[in-house]
Amino acid sequence: MVANIKAEFKRHLEQNPWMSEPTRKQALNKLDKMMIYVGYPEKWLDYC
């Protein structure tokens, strides 16, 4: 499900008429680097 949301967001960014091309490329690059973690992180953070 998360992969489908990510794919739809990518499609939305690609078709966005008000976004400049450099901004679009930067947003798509950031989206491509986004990792999907559902439920819990691989390593727990120590808040103590």
N, C-alpha and C. Protein backbone atom coordinates (compact mmCIF):
# COMPACT_ATOMS: atom_id res chain seq x y z
N MET A 1 0.83 -1.19 0.00
CA MET A 1 0.00 0.00 0.00
C MET A 1 0.88 1.26 0.00
N VAL A 2 1.93 1.26 0.81
CA VAL A 2 2.80 2.44 0.86
C VAL A 2 3.50 2.65 -0.48
N ALA A 3 3.90 1.57 -1.13
CA ALA A 3 4.53 1.68 -2.45
C ALA A 3 3.56 2.29 -3.46
N ASN A 4 2.28 1.95 -3.37
CA ASN A 4 1.28 2.53 -4.27
C ASN A 4 1.11 4.02 -4.01
N ILE A 5 1.14 4.43 -2.75
CA ILE A 5 1.03 5.85 -2.41
C ILE A 5 2.24 6.60 -2.94
N LYS A 6 3.42 6.02 -2.79
CA LYS A 6 4.65 6.63 -3.28
C LYS A 6 4.61 6.77 -4.81
N ALA A 7 4.13 5.75 -5.50
CA ALA A 7 4.02 5.79 -6.97
C ALA A 7 3.03 6.86 -7.42
N GLU A 8 1.92 6.98 -6.73
CA GLU A 8 0.92 7.99 -7.08
C GLU A 8 1.46 9.39 -6.81
N PHE A 9 2.20 9.57 -5.73
CA PHE A 9 2.79 10.87 -5.44
C PHE A 9 3.80 11.24 -6.51
N LYS A 10 4.57 10.26 -6.99
CA LYS A 10 5.53 10.51 -8.07
C LYS A 10 4.80 10.97 -9.33
N ARG A 11 3.70 10.30 -9.66
CA ARG A 11 2.90 10.69 -10.82
C ARG A 11 2.38 12.12 -10.66
N HIS A 12 1.95 12.44 -9.45
CA HIS A 12 1.45 13.79 -9.16
C HIS A 12 2.56 14.83 -9.36
N LEU A 13 3.75 14.54 -8.88
CA LEU A 13 4.87 15.47 -9.04
C LEU A 13 5.23 15.65 -10.52
N GLU A 14 5.21 14.57 -11.28
CA GLU A 14 5.57 14.64 -12.69
C GLU A 14 4.58 15.48 -13.50
N GLN A 15 3.33 15.54 -13.06
CA GLN A 15 2.30 16.26 -13.81
C GLN A 15 1.95 17.62 -13.22
N ASN A 16 2.65 18.02 -12.17
CA ASN A 16 2.34 19.27 -11.48
C ASN A 16 2.68 20.46 -12.39
N PRO A 17 1.70 21.28 -12.78
CA PRO A 17 1.96 22.36 -13.74
C PRO A 17 2.66 23.59 -13.15
N TRP A 18 2.57 23.83 -11.86
CA TRP A 18 3.13 25.05 -11.29
C TRP A 18 4.55 24.88 -10.77
N MET A 19 5.06 23.67 -10.73
CA MET A 19 6.40 23.41 -10.19
C MET A 19 7.45 23.61 -11.28
N SER A 20 8.51 24.34 -10.97
CA SER A 20 9.58 24.53 -11.96
C SER A 20 10.33 23.21 -12.16
N GLU A 21 10.99 23.09 -13.30
CA GLU A 21 11.68 21.84 -13.63
C GLU A 21 12.80 21.51 -12.63
N PRO A 22 13.64 22.47 -12.21
CA PRO A 22 14.66 22.14 -11.21
C PRO A 22 14.05 21.67 -9.88
N THR A 23 12.96 22.32 -9.46
CA THR A 23 12.29 21.92 -8.22
C THR A 23 11.69 20.54 -8.37
N ARG A 24 11.09 20.26 -9.52
CA ARG A 24 10.50 18.95 -9.79
C ARG A 24 11.56 17.85 -9.73
N LYS A 25 12.70 18.10 -10.36
CA LYS A 25 13.79 17.11 -10.35
C LYS A 25 14.27 16.86 -8.93
N GLN A 26 14.40 17.91 -8.15
CA GLN A 26 14.84 17.77 -6.76
C GLN A 26 13.81 16.99 -5.94
N ALA A 27 12.54 17.27 -6.14
CA ALA A 27 11.49 16.56 -5.41
C ALA A 27 11.45 15.08 -5.80
N LEU A 28 11.59 14.78 -7.09
CA LEU A 28 11.58 13.39 -7.54
C LEU A 28 12.81 12.65 -7.03
N ASN A 29 13.95 13.32 -6.99
CA ASN A 29 15.16 12.71 -6.45
C ASN A 29 14.98 12.38 -4.97
N LYS A 30 14.40 13.31 -4.23
CA LYS A 30 14.15 13.09 -2.81
C LYS A 30 13.17 11.93 -2.60
N LEU A 31 12.14 11.87 -3.43
CA LEU A 31 11.16 10.79 -3.34
C LEU A 31 11.82 9.44 -3.64
N ASP A 32 12.70 9.39 -4.64
CA ASP A 32 13.38 8.14 -4.99
C ASP A 32 14.28 7.64 -3.86
N LYS A 33 14.82 8.56 -3.07
CA LYS A 33 15.70 8.18 -1.96
C LYS A 33 14.93 7.80 -0.69
N MET A 34 13.62 8.06 -0.69
CA MET A 34 12.81 7.79 0.49
C MET A 34 12.72 6.28 0.74
N MET A 35 13.04 5.89 1.95
CA MET A 35 12.95 4.49 2.35
C MET A 35 11.59 4.24 3.00
N ILE A 36 11.07 3.04 2.82
CA ILE A 36 9.77 2.69 3.39
C ILE A 36 10.00 1.78 4.60
N TYR A 37 9.58 2.26 5.76
CA TYR A 37 9.62 1.47 6.99
C TYR A 37 8.21 1.49 7.57
N VAL A 38 7.60 0.34 7.67
CA VAL A 38 6.25 0.25 8.20
C VAL A 38 6.28 -0.57 9.47
N GLY A 39 5.75 -0.02 10.54
CA GLY A 39 5.63 -0.76 11.80
C GLY A 39 6.69 -0.40 12.82
N TYR A 40 7.95 -0.42 12.43
CA TYR A 40 9.02 -0.14 13.38
C TYR A 40 10.31 0.15 12.62
N PRO A 41 11.23 0.90 13.22
CA PRO A 41 12.52 1.15 12.57
C PRO A 41 13.44 -0.06 12.71
N GLU A 42 14.44 -0.14 11.83
CA GLU A 42 15.41 -1.24 11.92
C GLU A 42 16.21 -1.17 13.21
N LYS A 43 16.49 0.05 13.67
CA LYS A 43 17.25 0.23 14.91
C LYS A 43 16.48 1.20 15.79
N TRP A 44 16.21 0.80 17.02
CA TRP A 44 15.48 1.66 17.94
C TRP A 44 16.39 2.78 18.43
N LEU A 45 15.84 3.98 18.55
CA LEU A 45 16.57 5.12 19.09
C LEU A 45 16.54 5.07 20.61
N ASP A 46 17.64 5.44 21.23
CA ASP A 46 17.73 5.46 22.68
C ASP A 46 17.48 6.88 23.15
N TYR A 47 16.33 7.12 23.76
CA TYR A 47 15.96 8.45 24.21
C TYR A 47 16.40 8.73 25.64
N CYS A 48 17.08 7.80 26.28
CA CYS A 48 17.51 8.00 27.67
C CYS A 48 18.81 8.74 27.77
